[in-house]
Amino acid sequence: MADPSAGLLDRRAIRLEAVAAGHEDAVRQCGAALVDVGAVTADYVESMLDRERSVSTYLGEGVAVPHGTGSGRAAILRDAIAVLRFPRGADWNGATVTVAVAVAARGDGHMAILAELARLLSDPGRARNLREAATADDITRLLQPREEEAAP
C-alpha cells in the first residue's frame, strides 16, 4: 500500500535546531518552511497567525500544530507539512512547545499524519521520542502511519 503521507513532508521542511522568541516567531518560522518548499504563498503565513490569535494550536505534550484559517486555503499551492523542533522550547502563551507540526491542506491528504500525531501524543514515550528526535529520518519514521493501522 502506498504511504498516504508520501510527498507531504519534504525533508527540507524539517528543521531540528530552531530557536523562537515566542509563539508568533515560531509560527512565522513554520510558515516560512512551507513557503521554502513551495507549498504555500507568504499570505498563508498571515493566515496561520490569524488562526493562532483566535485559538491556540497547542495540543499538549510540548507539541503545537499551527495551520491557517479556512480563508487561507487560497494561499495553499499543495498539501504539505513542516516539522520544526525547538530544543530550548518556545513559549506558546504560557506552554512550552518543543515541536511544531505545521499543516497546509486544501484536502484531507494530511489526515493520516495528523491521526498518527494524535496516537503518538497519547503515548508519553513516543511523544518524548518526537520531542527528542535528532534526525529528519527520526521525524519521518515517527509520523509515518504504522503498517498495521494503515492497512485497509
N, C-alpha and C. Protein backbone atom coordinates (compact mmCIF):
# COMPACT_ATOMS: atom_id res chain seq x y z
N MET A 1 0.85 -1.19 0.00
CA MET A 1 0.00 0.00 0.00
C MET A 1 0.88 1.24 0.00
N ALA A 2 0.56 2.22 -0.80
CA ALA A 2 1.33 3.46 -0.85
C ALA A 2 1.16 4.23 0.45
N ASP A 3 2.24 4.88 0.86
CA ASP A 3 2.21 5.68 2.08
C ASP A 3 1.40 6.95 1.82
N PRO A 4 0.31 7.17 2.55
CA PRO A 4 -0.52 8.35 2.30
C PRO A 4 0.19 9.64 2.66
N SER A 5 1.27 9.56 3.43
CA SER A 5 1.99 10.78 3.79
C SER A 5 3.08 11.13 2.79
N ALA A 6 3.32 10.25 1.82
CA ALA A 6 4.38 10.49 0.85
C ALA A 6 4.15 11.82 0.15
N GLY A 7 5.18 12.60 0.06
CA GLY A 7 5.09 13.89 -0.61
C GLY A 7 4.63 15.02 0.27
N LEU A 8 4.03 14.74 1.41
CA LEU A 8 3.57 15.81 2.30
C LEU A 8 4.70 16.41 3.11
N LEU A 9 5.66 15.59 3.51
CA LEU A 9 6.74 16.04 4.37
C LEU A 9 8.05 16.05 3.60
N ASP A 10 8.37 17.18 3.02
CA ASP A 10 9.62 17.38 2.31
C ASP A 10 10.73 17.50 3.36
N ARG A 11 11.80 16.75 3.20
CA ARG A 11 12.89 16.78 4.19
C ARG A 11 13.41 18.20 4.42
N ARG A 12 13.31 19.06 3.42
CA ARG A 12 13.77 20.46 3.60
C ARG A 12 12.87 21.23 4.56
N ALA A 13 11.69 20.68 4.86
CA ALA A 13 10.76 21.34 5.77
C ALA A 13 10.87 20.78 7.19
N ILE A 14 11.92 20.01 7.44
CA ILE A 14 12.20 19.52 8.79
C ILE A 14 13.39 20.31 9.32
N ARG A 15 13.17 21.02 10.38
CA ARG A 15 14.21 21.87 10.97
C ARG A 15 14.34 21.52 12.45
N LEU A 16 15.47 20.95 12.79
CA LEU A 16 15.64 20.36 14.11
C LEU A 16 16.26 21.27 15.16
N GLU A 17 16.80 22.39 14.76
CA GLU A 17 17.50 23.27 15.71
C GLU A 17 16.94 24.68 15.68
N ALA A 18 15.63 24.81 15.60
CA ALA A 18 15.00 26.13 15.52
C ALA A 18 15.03 26.82 16.89
N VAL A 19 15.08 28.13 16.85
CA VAL A 19 15.04 28.97 18.06
C VAL A 19 13.99 30.03 17.79
N ALA A 20 13.05 30.20 18.73
CA ALA A 20 11.98 31.18 18.54
C ALA A 20 11.85 32.07 19.75
N ALA A 21 11.56 33.34 19.50
CA ALA A 21 11.36 34.32 20.57
C ALA A 21 10.01 34.14 21.26
N GLY A 22 9.10 33.45 20.64
CA GLY A 22 7.76 33.22 21.18
C GLY A 22 6.93 32.52 20.13
N HIS A 23 5.64 32.35 20.43
CA HIS A 23 4.81 31.57 19.52
C HIS A 23 4.61 32.24 18.16
N GLU A 24 4.51 33.56 18.11
CA GLU A 24 4.34 34.21 16.80
C GLU A 24 5.57 34.00 15.93
N ASP A 25 6.76 34.14 16.53
CA ASP A 25 8.00 33.88 15.79
C ASP A 25 8.04 32.43 15.34
N ALA A 26 7.65 31.51 16.21
CA ALA A 26 7.63 30.08 15.85
C ALA A 26 6.67 29.82 14.69
N VAL A 27 5.49 30.41 14.74
CA VAL A 27 4.52 30.24 13.66
C VAL A 27 5.07 30.81 12.36
N ARG A 28 5.70 31.97 12.42
CA ARG A 28 6.31 32.56 11.21
C ARG A 28 7.36 31.62 10.63
N GLN A 29 8.18 31.02 11.48
CA GLN A 29 9.20 30.08 11.01
C GLN A 29 8.57 28.85 10.38
N CYS A 30 7.49 28.37 10.97
CA CYS A 30 6.77 27.23 10.39
C CYS A 30 6.24 27.58 9.01
N GLY A 31 5.64 28.75 8.92
CA GLY A 31 5.12 29.21 7.63
C GLY A 31 6.23 29.37 6.61
N ALA A 32 7.36 29.90 7.04
CA ALA A 32 8.50 30.08 6.13
C ALA A 32 8.99 28.74 5.59
N ALA A 33 8.97 27.71 6.43
CA ALA A 33 9.38 26.38 5.96
C ALA A 33 8.44 25.89 4.86
N LEU A 34 7.14 26.14 5.03
CA LEU A 34 6.17 25.75 4.00
C LEU A 34 6.35 26.57 2.72
N VAL A 35 6.66 27.85 2.87
CA VAL A 35 6.94 28.71 1.72
C VAL A 35 8.19 28.21 1.00
N ASP A 36 9.23 27.89 1.77
CA ASP A 36 10.51 27.47 1.19
C ASP A 36 10.41 26.22 0.34
N VAL A 37 9.47 25.33 0.64
CA VAL A 37 9.32 24.10 -0.15
C VAL A 37 8.24 24.25 -1.23
N GLY A 38 7.74 25.47 -1.41
CA GLY A 38 6.79 25.73 -2.48
C GLY A 38 5.38 25.25 -2.22
N ALA A 39 5.02 25.03 -0.96
CA ALA A 39 3.68 24.53 -0.64
C ALA A 39 2.66 25.63 -0.50
N VAL A 40 3.09 26.81 -0.07
CA VAL A 40 2.18 27.93 0.18
C VAL A 40 2.81 29.24 -0.26
N THR A 41 1.99 30.26 -0.40
CA THR A 41 2.50 31.61 -0.62
C THR A 41 2.66 32.28 0.75
N ALA A 42 3.31 33.42 0.75
CA ALA A 42 3.53 34.15 2.01
C ALA A 42 2.21 34.53 2.69
N ASP A 43 1.13 34.66 1.92
CA ASP A 43 -0.17 35.00 2.51
C ASP A 43 -0.63 33.94 3.51
N TYR A 44 -0.21 32.70 3.31
CA TYR A 44 -0.63 31.64 4.21
C TYR A 44 -0.05 31.85 5.61
N VAL A 45 1.13 32.41 5.69
CA VAL A 45 1.76 32.66 6.99
C VAL A 45 0.87 33.60 7.81
N GLU A 46 0.34 34.63 7.18
CA GLU A 46 -0.57 35.54 7.89
C GLU A 46 -1.84 34.82 8.35
N SER A 47 -2.31 33.89 7.52
CA SER A 47 -3.48 33.09 7.89
C SER A 47 -3.18 32.22 9.10
N MET A 48 -1.96 31.68 9.16
CA MET A 48 -1.54 30.88 10.32
C MET A 48 -1.52 31.74 11.59
N LEU A 49 -1.03 32.95 11.47
CA LEU A 49 -1.00 33.87 12.61
C LEU A 49 -2.42 34.24 13.04
N ASP A 50 -3.30 34.46 12.06
CA ASP A 50 -4.71 34.76 12.38
C ASP A 50 -5.34 33.61 13.16
N ARG A 51 -5.08 32.36 12.74
CA ARG A 51 -5.62 31.19 13.43
C ARG A 51 -5.11 31.16 14.87
N GLU A 52 -3.82 31.39 15.03
CA GLU A 52 -3.22 31.33 16.36
C GLU A 52 -3.78 32.41 17.28
N ARG A 53 -4.10 33.57 16.70
CA ARG A 53 -4.68 34.66 17.51
C ARG A 53 -6.10 34.33 17.95
N SER A 54 -6.81 33.52 17.15
CA SER A 54 -8.20 33.20 17.50
C SER A 54 -8.29 31.98 18.41
N VAL A 55 -7.43 31.00 18.20
CA VAL A 55 -7.43 29.80 19.04
C VAL A 55 -6.03 29.20 19.00
N SER A 56 -5.52 28.84 20.16
CA SER A 56 -4.19 28.25 20.23
C SER A 56 -4.17 26.89 19.55
N THR A 57 -3.08 26.64 18.85
CA THR A 57 -2.90 25.35 18.20
C THR A 57 -2.03 24.41 19.04
N TYR A 58 -1.80 24.77 20.29
CA TYR A 58 -1.04 23.92 21.19
C TYR A 58 -1.89 22.70 21.55
N LEU A 59 -1.31 21.49 21.37
CA LEU A 59 -2.05 20.25 21.63
C LEU A 59 -1.73 19.63 22.98
N GLY A 60 -0.58 19.92 23.52
CA GLY A 60 -0.12 19.27 24.73
C GLY A 60 1.14 18.48 24.44
N GLU A 61 1.77 17.94 25.50
CA GLU A 61 3.00 17.15 25.36
C GLU A 61 4.09 17.93 24.62
N GLY A 62 4.06 19.27 24.69
CA GLY A 62 5.10 20.06 24.05
C GLY A 62 4.94 20.22 22.55
N VAL A 63 3.75 19.91 22.01
CA VAL A 63 3.54 19.93 20.56
C VAL A 63 2.42 20.89 20.18
N ALA A 64 2.66 21.66 19.13
CA ALA A 64 1.64 22.54 18.54
C ALA A 64 1.49 22.17 17.06
N VAL A 65 0.31 22.45 16.53
CA VAL A 65 0.03 22.16 15.12
C VAL A 65 -0.48 23.44 14.46
N PRO A 66 0.42 24.38 14.19
CA PRO A 66 -0.03 25.62 13.56
C PRO A 66 -0.52 25.38 12.14
N HIS A 67 -1.63 26.04 11.81
CA HIS A 67 -2.22 25.92 10.48
C HIS A 67 -3.04 27.17 10.22
N GLY A 68 -3.43 27.36 8.99
CA GLY A 68 -4.15 28.57 8.61
C GLY A 68 -5.65 28.47 8.84
N THR A 69 -6.29 29.59 8.59
CA THR A 69 -7.74 29.66 8.66
C THR A 69 -8.32 29.15 7.34
N GLY A 70 -9.62 28.92 7.32
CA GLY A 70 -10.28 28.48 6.10
C GLY A 70 -10.05 29.45 4.94
N SER A 71 -10.05 30.75 5.24
CA SER A 71 -9.83 31.73 4.17
C SER A 71 -8.40 31.70 3.65
N GLY A 72 -7.49 31.09 4.39
CA GLY A 72 -6.10 31.00 3.95
C GLY A 72 -5.86 29.90 2.93
N ARG A 73 -6.86 29.06 2.71
CA ARG A 73 -6.67 27.94 1.77
C ARG A 73 -6.31 28.40 0.36
N ALA A 74 -6.73 29.60 -0.02
CA ALA A 74 -6.39 30.10 -1.36
C ALA A 74 -4.89 30.27 -1.53
N ALA A 75 -4.16 30.40 -0.42
CA ALA A 75 -2.71 30.58 -0.48
C ALA A 75 -1.95 29.26 -0.45
N ILE A 76 -2.68 28.14 -0.40
CA ILE A 76 -2.03 26.82 -0.40
C ILE A 76 -1.86 26.36 -1.84
N LEU A 77 -0.64 26.05 -2.20
CA LEU A 77 -0.33 25.58 -3.55
C LEU A 77 -0.41 24.05 -3.63
N ARG A 78 -0.08 23.40 -2.52
CA ARG A 78 -0.20 21.94 -2.42
C ARG A 78 -0.22 21.56 -0.94
N ASP A 79 -0.83 20.44 -0.62
CA ASP A 79 -0.85 19.95 0.76
C ASP A 79 0.58 19.64 1.20
N ALA A 80 0.92 20.04 2.42
CA ALA A 80 2.26 19.78 2.94
C ALA A 80 2.26 19.96 4.45
N ILE A 81 3.29 19.39 5.07
CA ILE A 81 3.54 19.68 6.47
C ILE A 81 5.00 20.06 6.64
N ALA A 82 5.28 20.76 7.71
CA ALA A 82 6.65 21.09 8.09
C ALA A 82 6.78 20.75 9.57
N VAL A 83 7.96 20.32 9.98
CA VAL A 83 8.19 19.98 11.37
C VAL A 83 9.39 20.79 11.86
N LEU A 84 9.16 21.60 12.86
CA LEU A 84 10.23 22.37 13.47
C LEU A 84 10.37 21.94 14.92
N ARG A 85 11.60 21.66 15.30
CA ARG A 85 11.88 21.30 16.69
C ARG A 85 12.61 22.47 17.34
N PHE A 86 12.13 22.86 18.49
CA PHE A 86 12.71 23.95 19.26
C PHE A 86 13.33 23.33 20.52
N PRO A 87 14.59 22.89 20.44
CA PRO A 87 15.21 22.16 21.56
C PRO A 87 15.17 22.91 22.89
N ARG A 88 15.24 24.23 22.83
CA ARG A 88 15.19 25.02 24.07
C ARG A 88 13.76 25.43 24.42
N GLY A 89 12.82 25.03 23.60
CA GLY A 89 11.41 25.36 23.83
C GLY A 89 11.06 26.74 23.31
N ALA A 90 9.81 26.90 22.95
CA ALA A 90 9.25 28.18 22.53
C ALA A 90 8.02 28.44 23.38
N ASP A 91 7.93 29.63 23.96
CA ASP A 91 6.76 29.96 24.77
C ASP A 91 5.55 30.07 23.87
N TRP A 92 4.51 29.32 24.21
CA TRP A 92 3.27 29.29 23.42
C TRP A 92 2.15 29.69 24.36
N ASN A 93 2.10 30.99 24.65
CA ASN A 93 1.10 31.52 25.58
C ASN A 93 1.13 30.79 26.92
N GLY A 94 2.31 30.63 27.46
CA GLY A 94 2.45 30.01 28.76
C GLY A 94 2.82 28.54 28.73
N ALA A 95 2.59 27.86 27.63
CA ALA A 95 3.01 26.47 27.46
C ALA A 95 4.36 26.47 26.75
N THR A 96 5.11 25.42 26.92
CA THR A 96 6.39 25.30 26.23
C THR A 96 6.26 24.29 25.11
N VAL A 97 6.53 24.77 23.89
CA VAL A 97 6.46 23.92 22.71
C VAL A 97 7.88 23.58 22.29
N THR A 98 8.13 22.29 22.09
CA THR A 98 9.41 21.86 21.57
C THR A 98 9.31 21.33 20.15
N VAL A 99 8.09 21.01 19.71
CA VAL A 99 7.87 20.55 18.33
C VAL A 99 6.61 21.22 17.78
N ALA A 100 6.76 21.80 16.59
CA ALA A 100 5.60 22.35 15.89
C ALA A 100 5.47 21.61 14.56
N VAL A 101 4.28 21.07 14.31
CA VAL A 101 3.98 20.39 13.06
C VAL A 101 3.02 21.31 12.31
N ALA A 102 3.57 22.04 11.35
CA ALA A 102 2.76 23.00 10.58
C ALA A 102 2.03 22.27 9.46
N VAL A 103 0.78 22.63 9.25
CA VAL A 103 -0.06 21.96 8.26
C VAL A 103 -0.60 22.96 7.25
N ALA A 104 -0.48 22.60 5.99
CA ALA A 104 -1.12 23.34 4.90
C ALA A 104 -1.91 22.30 4.11
N ALA A 105 -3.23 22.41 4.14
CA ALA A 105 -4.03 21.38 3.49
C ALA A 105 -5.27 21.97 2.84
N ARG A 106 -5.45 21.65 1.58
CA ARG A 106 -6.67 22.03 0.88
C ARG A 106 -7.67 20.90 0.97
N GLY A 107 -7.15 19.68 1.02
CA GLY A 107 -8.00 18.49 1.10
C GLY A 107 -7.74 17.76 2.39
N ASP A 108 -7.84 16.42 2.34
CA ASP A 108 -7.65 15.65 3.56
C ASP A 108 -6.44 14.73 3.51
N GLY A 109 -5.52 15.01 2.59
CA GLY A 109 -4.32 14.18 2.45
C GLY A 109 -3.43 14.17 3.68
N HIS A 110 -3.57 15.15 4.53
CA HIS A 110 -2.74 15.25 5.74
C HIS A 110 -3.34 14.48 6.91
N MET A 111 -4.53 13.95 6.76
CA MET A 111 -5.23 13.34 7.89
C MET A 111 -4.50 12.12 8.47
N ALA A 112 -3.83 11.34 7.63
CA ALA A 112 -3.11 10.17 8.15
C ALA A 112 -1.98 10.61 9.08
N ILE A 113 -1.28 11.68 8.71
CA ILE A 113 -0.21 12.16 9.57
C ILE A 113 -0.78 12.74 10.86
N LEU A 114 -1.87 13.49 10.77
CA LEU A 114 -2.47 14.04 11.99
C LEU A 114 -3.00 12.93 12.89
N ALA A 115 -3.54 11.88 12.30
CA ALA A 115 -4.01 10.75 13.11
C ALA A 115 -2.84 10.09 13.81
N GLU A 116 -1.73 9.93 13.10
CA GLU A 116 -0.54 9.34 13.73
C GLU A 116 0.00 10.26 14.81
N LEU A 117 -0.04 11.56 14.58
CA LEU A 117 0.40 12.52 15.59
C LEU A 117 -0.46 12.40 16.84
N ALA A 118 -1.75 12.26 16.69
CA ALA A 118 -2.65 12.10 17.84
C ALA A 118 -2.32 10.82 18.60
N ARG A 119 -2.07 9.72 17.87
CA ARG A 119 -1.69 8.47 18.53
C ARG A 119 -0.36 8.63 19.26
N LEU A 120 0.57 9.28 18.60
CA LEU A 120 1.89 9.49 19.18
C LEU A 120 1.80 10.30 20.47
N LEU A 121 0.98 11.35 20.47
CA LEU A 121 0.85 12.20 21.65
C LEU A 121 0.13 11.50 22.79
N SER A 122 -0.66 10.48 22.48
CA SER A 122 -1.36 9.75 23.54
C SER A 122 -0.43 8.77 24.25
N ASP A 123 0.76 8.58 23.71
CA ASP A 123 1.76 7.70 24.31
C ASP A 123 2.93 8.56 24.77
N PRO A 124 3.07 8.80 26.08
CA PRO A 124 4.13 9.70 26.57
C PRO A 124 5.54 9.33 26.09
N GLY A 125 5.82 8.04 25.94
CA GLY A 125 7.14 7.62 25.46
C GLY A 125 7.37 8.03 24.02
N ARG A 126 6.37 7.80 23.17
CA ARG A 126 6.51 8.18 21.76
C ARG A 126 6.50 9.70 21.60
N ALA A 127 5.73 10.41 22.44
CA ALA A 127 5.73 11.87 22.40
C ALA A 127 7.12 12.38 22.76
N ARG A 128 7.75 11.77 23.76
CA ARG A 128 9.12 12.16 24.13
C ARG A 128 10.06 11.90 22.96
N ASN A 129 9.89 10.78 22.26
CA ASN A 129 10.73 10.49 21.09
C ASN A 129 10.61 11.59 20.04
N LEU A 130 9.41 12.10 19.83
CA LEU A 130 9.22 13.18 18.86
C LEU A 130 9.93 14.44 19.34
N ARG A 131 9.76 14.77 20.61
CA ARG A 131 10.41 15.98 21.14
C ARG A 131 11.93 15.89 21.09
N GLU A 132 12.45 14.67 21.19
CA GLU A 132 13.90 14.47 21.25
C GLU A 132 14.49 13.99 19.93
N ALA A 133 13.69 13.91 18.87
CA ALA A 133 14.18 13.41 17.58
C ALA A 133 15.42 14.20 17.14
N ALA A 134 16.43 13.45 16.71
CA ALA A 134 17.71 14.08 16.37
C ALA A 134 17.95 14.19 14.87
N THR A 135 17.16 13.45 14.07
CA THR A 135 17.38 13.48 12.63
C THR A 135 16.04 13.60 11.89
N ALA A 136 16.14 14.03 10.64
CA ALA A 136 14.94 14.10 9.80
C ALA A 136 14.34 12.71 9.62
N ASP A 137 15.18 11.68 9.55
CA ASP A 137 14.68 10.30 9.43
C ASP A 137 13.86 9.92 10.66
N ASP A 138 14.31 10.35 11.86
CA ASP A 138 13.56 10.06 13.08
C ASP A 138 12.16 10.67 12.99
N ILE A 139 12.10 11.92 12.56
CA ILE A 139 10.81 12.63 12.44
C ILE A 139 9.91 11.90 11.45
N THR A 140 10.45 11.59 10.29
CA THR A 140 9.67 10.92 9.25
C THR A 140 9.15 9.58 9.75
N ARG A 141 10.00 8.80 10.41
CA ARG A 141 9.61 7.49 10.92
C ARG A 141 8.51 7.62 11.97
N LEU A 142 8.63 8.59 12.87
CA LEU A 142 7.65 8.77 13.93
C LEU A 142 6.28 9.19 13.40
N LEU A 143 6.25 9.98 12.35
CA LEU A 143 4.98 10.48 11.83
C LEU A 143 4.36 9.58 10.77
N GLN A 144 5.10 8.59 10.32
CA GLN A 144 4.57 7.68 9.31
C GLN A 144 3.54 6.75 9.94
N PRO A 145 2.37 6.62 9.32
CA PRO A 145 1.36 5.71 9.86
C PRO A 145 1.93 4.30 9.98
N ARG A 146 1.61 3.64 11.07
CA ARG A 146 2.10 2.27 11.29
C ARG A 146 1.42 1.34 10.30
N GLU A 147 2.16 0.34 9.83
CA GLU A 147 1.65 -0.60 8.83
C GLU A 147 0.32 -1.23 9.24
N GLU A 148 0.24 -1.70 10.47
CA GLU A 148 -0.99 -2.40 10.89
C GLU A 148 -2.18 -1.45 10.94
N GLU A 149 -1.92 -0.14 11.10
CA GLU A 149 -3.01 0.82 11.18
C GLU A 149 -3.31 1.43 9.81
N ALA A 150 -2.32 1.37 8.89
CA ALA A 150 -2.51 1.96 7.57
C ALA A 150 -3.22 1.01 6.62
N ALA A 151 -3.18 -0.28 6.91
CA ALA A 151 -3.80 -1.27 6.02
C ALA A 151 -5.32 -1.15 6.07
N PRO A 152 -5.98 -1.40 4.91
CA PRO A 152 -7.44 -1.30 4.88
C PRO A 152 -8.10 -2.40 5.68
